[in-house]
Amino acid sequence: MTMRVSWSRPGGVLVASITGRVDSGNSAAFHSALEEGTVQGDHALVLDCRHLSYMSSAGLRVLLAMARKFRNPGRGIGICHLSKSILSVITASGFDRIIPVHETRTDAINALSGSGDAGAADTDAADAGAPDEGDTTPTPIRSAVNMDIVGDNIADIAAFTVEKYEFANEDLPPDARADAVKAIEEALWREVEVWKERRKAIMAGMFRTAAAALERAIERKA
């Protein structure tokens, strides 16, 4: 599924409606789309994720960059209509402490405009119905770990972790930043090895369970 960003200004607040998936393959295009859609005079930005099916840590890095852009006094940013799966990533990463999470577009616009009803007439239609829960297709158990995908995620998680620290603190010197990213990546690769061993144990247990179930089924037919 391709990524698309569409724009509107209900109640005078800029809203970016995101559709599709955001991952390491299109995060640069996603960042460009958000940058091109905002202008210097915009004081607030709402990211409407109703039709966003997936976001990786690469996408979180883009959102963090936009949070930096709207962090100055008199400016603000919010995110709304998160699916359960994306919300779990947002909360697990601590990102909800950087960008306020709102249930609906109306809630986000009202919070940013400081009004109890700003933009309500323009946003009621957008908020009608249940939020899109994103891609609910079960992920198959693979026979091997795709190390290219894992490597991309690890690099993005490491960079995001450092950038999130720098968002709340001063920027690290280049050497210290590079050392921190390297240390995080090494720690994450060690964690991958641990999970690979756990996966092997889980698969072995599944085969034992399958064999035992087969024996019981045969015994009942005997």
Protein backbone atom coordinates (compact mmCIF):
# COMPACT_ATOMS: atom_id res chain seq x y z
CA MET A 1 0.00 0.00 0.00
CA THR A 2 1.36 3.43 -0.92
CA MET A 3 1.61 6.35 1.50
CA ARG A 4 -0.39 9.52 0.87
CA VAL A 5 -0.86 12.77 2.81
CA SER A 6 -3.87 15.01 2.21
CA TRP A 7 -4.44 18.41 3.77
CA SER A 8 -7.31 20.45 5.22
CA ARG A 9 -7.75 23.44 7.59
CA PRO A 10 -10.87 22.93 9.74
CA GLY A 11 -11.18 25.70 12.30
CA GLY A 12 -8.01 27.27 10.92
CA VAL A 13 -5.89 24.35 12.18
CA LEU A 14 -3.75 22.50 9.65
CA VAL A 15 -4.63 18.79 9.45
CA ALA A 16 -2.51 16.18 7.68
CA SER A 17 -4.51 13.02 6.94
CA ILE A 18 -2.14 10.09 6.45
CA THR A 19 -3.12 7.06 4.40
CA GLY A 20 -1.24 3.79 3.87
CA ARG A 21 1.98 2.57 5.46
CA VAL A 22 5.06 4.44 6.65
CA ASP A 23 8.30 2.50 6.95
CA SER A 24 12.01 2.88 6.22
CA GLY A 25 11.33 2.59 2.50
CA ASN A 26 9.15 5.69 2.25
CA SER A 27 9.90 7.65 5.43
CA ALA A 28 11.96 10.23 3.50
CA ALA A 29 9.01 10.85 1.15
CA PHE A 30 6.70 11.05 4.17
CA HIS A 31 8.96 13.66 5.77
CA SER A 32 9.09 15.66 2.54
CA ALA A 33 5.30 15.57 2.22
CA LEU A 34 4.81 16.93 5.73
CA GLU A 35 7.47 19.61 5.29
CA GLU A 36 6.03 20.74 1.97
CA GLY A 37 2.51 20.90 3.39
CA THR A 38 3.41 23.22 6.26
CA VAL A 39 4.33 26.88 5.99
CA GLN A 40 6.02 29.30 8.36
CA GLY A 41 2.72 30.82 9.49
CA ASP A 42 1.20 27.53 10.63
CA HIS A 43 0.93 27.52 14.41
CA ALA A 44 -0.59 24.06 14.87
CA LEU A 45 -0.58 20.69 13.15
CA VAL A 46 -2.87 17.70 13.63
CA LEU A 47 -1.79 14.33 12.27
CA ASP A 48 -4.93 12.32 11.49
CA CYS A 49 -3.99 8.63 11.34
CA ARG A 50 -7.46 7.18 10.73
CA HIS A 51 -6.31 5.51 7.50
CA LEU A 52 -2.72 4.79 8.53
CA SER A 53 -2.27 1.01 8.57
CA TYR A 54 1.33 0.76 9.78
CA MET A 55 4.14 2.95 11.08
CA SER A 56 7.66 1.78 11.85
CA SER A 57 10.29 3.51 13.98
CA ALA A 58 11.38 5.30 10.79
CA GLY A 59 7.99 6.99 10.74
CA LEU A 60 8.35 7.92 14.41
CA ARG A 61 11.57 9.72 13.54
CA VAL A 62 9.65 11.82 11.01
CA LEU A 63 6.99 12.67 13.59
CA LEU A 64 9.72 13.63 16.04
CA ALA A 65 11.18 16.01 13.46
CA MET A 66 7.75 17.62 13.04
CA ALA A 67 7.38 17.87 16.82
CA ARG A 68 10.64 19.81 16.88
CA LYS A 69 9.26 22.13 14.22
CA PHE A 70 6.12 22.87 16.26
CA ARG A 71 7.66 23.01 19.74
CA ASN A 72 8.24 26.77 19.93
CA PRO A 73 5.95 29.00 22.06
CA GLY A 74 2.61 29.59 20.40
CA ARG A 75 2.86 26.44 18.31
CA GLY A 76 1.61 22.92 18.90
CA ILE A 77 1.14 19.47 17.41
CA GLY A 78 -1.22 16.57 18.09
CA ILE A 79 -2.04 13.13 16.72
CA CYS A 80 -5.40 11.39 16.53
CA HIS A 81 -7.31 8.32 15.35
CA LEU A 82 -4.51 5.86 16.10
CA SER A 83 -5.22 2.18 15.51
CA LYS A 84 -4.56 -0.15 18.44
CA SER A 85 -1.40 -1.52 16.85
CA ILE A 86 0.11 1.90 16.12
CA LEU A 87 -0.94 3.24 19.51
CA SER A 88 0.93 0.37 21.14
CA VAL A 89 4.11 1.43 19.31
CA ILE A 90 3.56 5.07 20.23
CA THR A 91 3.12 4.28 23.93
CA ALA A 92 5.87 1.64 24.09
CA SER A 93 8.36 4.14 22.66
CA GLY A 94 7.26 6.90 25.03
CA PHE A 95 6.30 9.03 22.05
CA ASP A 96 2.94 9.89 23.61
CA ARG A 97 4.89 12.02 26.09
CA ILE A 98 6.21 14.12 23.19
CA ILE A 99 3.14 14.47 20.96
CA PRO A 100 -0.28 14.54 22.68
CA VAL A 101 -2.51 11.68 21.54
CA HIS A 102 -6.21 12.42 21.00
CA GLU A 103 -9.08 10.07 20.28
CA THR A 104 -10.67 12.20 17.55
CA ARG A 105 -9.73 14.98 15.16
CA THR A 106 -12.18 17.29 16.92
CA ASP A 107 -10.45 16.66 20.26
CA ALA A 108 -7.06 17.40 18.74
CA ILE A 109 -8.19 20.62 17.05
CA ASN A 110 -9.95 21.86 20.19
CA ALA A 111 -6.85 21.15 22.29
CA LEU A 112 -4.59 23.04 19.90
CA SER A 113 -6.96 25.96 19.35
CA GLY A 114 -7.74 26.34 23.05
CA SER A 115 -11.48 26.21 22.32
CA GLY A 116 -14.16 23.79 23.34
CA ASP A 117 -15.85 23.82 19.95
CA ALA A 118 -13.36 25.19 17.42
CA GLY A 119 -13.78 23.54 14.06
CA ALA A 120 -16.50 21.21 15.31
CA ALA A 121 -18.74 21.72 12.30
CA ASP A 122 -15.90 20.93 9.92
CA THR A 123 -14.64 17.89 11.81
CA ASP A 124 -17.83 16.07 12.83
CA ALA A 125 -18.02 14.33 9.46
CA ALA A 126 -14.38 13.33 9.60
CA ASP A 127 -14.83 11.87 13.07
CA ALA A 128 -18.01 9.94 12.21
CA GLY A 129 -17.71 6.21 12.54
CA ALA A 130 -15.11 4.03 14.19
CA PRO A 131 -11.41 4.67 13.59
CA ASP A 132 -9.69 2.50 11.01
CA GLU A 133 -7.89 -0.28 12.85
CA GLY A 134 -5.28 -0.52 10.10
CA ASP A 135 -3.96 -3.71 8.57
CA THR A 136 -5.31 -6.57 10.69
CA THR A 137 -3.97 -9.37 8.47
CA PRO A 138 -2.14 -11.86 10.72
CA THR A 139 1.63 -11.88 10.29
CA PRO A 140 2.77 -15.35 9.22
CA ILE A 141 5.44 -17.19 11.19
CA ARG A 142 8.43 -17.13 8.88
CA SER A 143 11.02 -19.86 8.52
CA ALA A 144 13.86 -17.35 8.82
CA VAL A 145 14.44 -13.86 10.10
CA ASN A 146 14.79 -11.23 7.39
CA MET A 147 17.98 -9.54 8.60
CA ASP A 148 17.65 -6.66 6.11
CA ILE A 149 14.33 -5.65 7.68
CA VAL A 150 15.63 -6.23 11.20
CA GLY A 151 18.73 -4.18 10.46
CA ASP A 152 16.69 -1.27 9.12
CA ASN A 153 14.47 -1.32 12.20
CA ILE A 154 17.42 -1.48 14.57
CA ALA A 155 19.11 1.48 12.88
CA ASP A 156 15.88 3.49 13.05
CA ILE A 157 15.17 2.56 16.67
CA ALA A 158 18.71 3.53 17.67
CA ALA A 159 18.50 6.87 15.86
CA PHE A 160 15.01 7.56 17.22
CA THR A 161 16.12 6.83 20.79
CA VAL A 162 18.98 9.32 20.52
CA GLU A 163 16.80 11.92 18.79
CA LYS A 164 14.11 11.55 21.46
CA TYR A 165 16.76 12.17 24.12
CA GLU A 166 17.98 15.23 22.24
CA PHE A 167 14.41 16.51 21.95
CA ALA A 168 14.20 16.76 25.74
CA ASN A 169 17.84 17.68 26.31
CA GLU A 170 20.71 19.34 24.48
CA ASP A 171 21.99 17.80 21.25
CA LEU A 172 24.87 15.38 21.79
CA PRO A 173 28.28 16.16 20.31
CA PRO A 174 28.85 14.22 17.06
CA ASP A 175 31.31 11.75 18.61
CA ALA A 176 29.09 11.06 21.62
CA ARG A 177 26.08 10.68 19.34
CA ALA A 178 27.84 8.16 17.12
CA ASP A 179 29.00 6.18 20.17
CA ALA A 180 25.48 6.18 21.60
CA VAL A 181 23.93 4.96 18.35
CA LYS A 182 26.54 2.21 18.06
CA ALA A 183 25.98 1.09 21.66
CA ILE A 184 22.21 0.95 21.16
CA GLU A 185 22.51 -0.99 17.91
CA GLU A 186 24.86 -3.53 19.51
CA ALA A 187 22.47 -3.99 22.43
CA LEU A 188 19.53 -4.48 20.05
CA TRP A 189 21.40 -7.04 17.95
CA ARG A 190 22.12 -8.99 21.16
CA GLU A 191 18.39 -8.87 21.91
CA VAL A 192 17.65 -10.21 18.41
CA GLU A 193 19.90 -13.20 19.07
CA VAL A 194 18.05 -13.88 22.32
CA TRP A 195 14.69 -13.76 20.53
CA LYS A 196 15.95 -16.03 17.74
CA GLU A 197 16.80 -18.68 20.34
CA ARG A 198 13.40 -18.23 21.97
CA ARG A 199 11.74 -18.59 18.58
CA LYS A 200 13.55 -21.88 18.02
CA ALA A 201 12.32 -23.13 21.39
CA ILE A 202 8.76 -22.02 20.61
CA MET A 203 8.81 -23.77 17.23
CA ALA A 204 10.17 -26.96 18.80
CA GLY A 205 7.41 -26.80 21.40
CA MET A 206 4.77 -26.34 18.69
CA PHE A 207 5.97 -29.46 16.87
CA ARG A 208 5.90 -31.44 20.12
CA THR A 209 2.37 -30.21 20.79
CA ALA A 210 1.32 -31.13 17.23
CA ALA A 211 2.79 -34.64 17.58
CA ALA A 212 1.05 -35.17 20.92
CA ALA A 213 -2.28 -33.95 19.49
CA LEU A 214 -1.90 -36.35 16.59
CA GLU A 215 -1.29 -39.29 18.94
CA ARG A 216 -4.38 -38.43 21.00
CA ALA A 217 -6.50 -38.14 17.85
CA ILE A 218 -5.32 -41.56 16.64
CA GLU A 219 -5.94 -43.13 20.05
CA ARG A 220 -9.54 -41.84 20.05
CA LYS A 221 -10.15 -43.45 16.67
CA ALA A 222 -8.57 -46.77 17.69
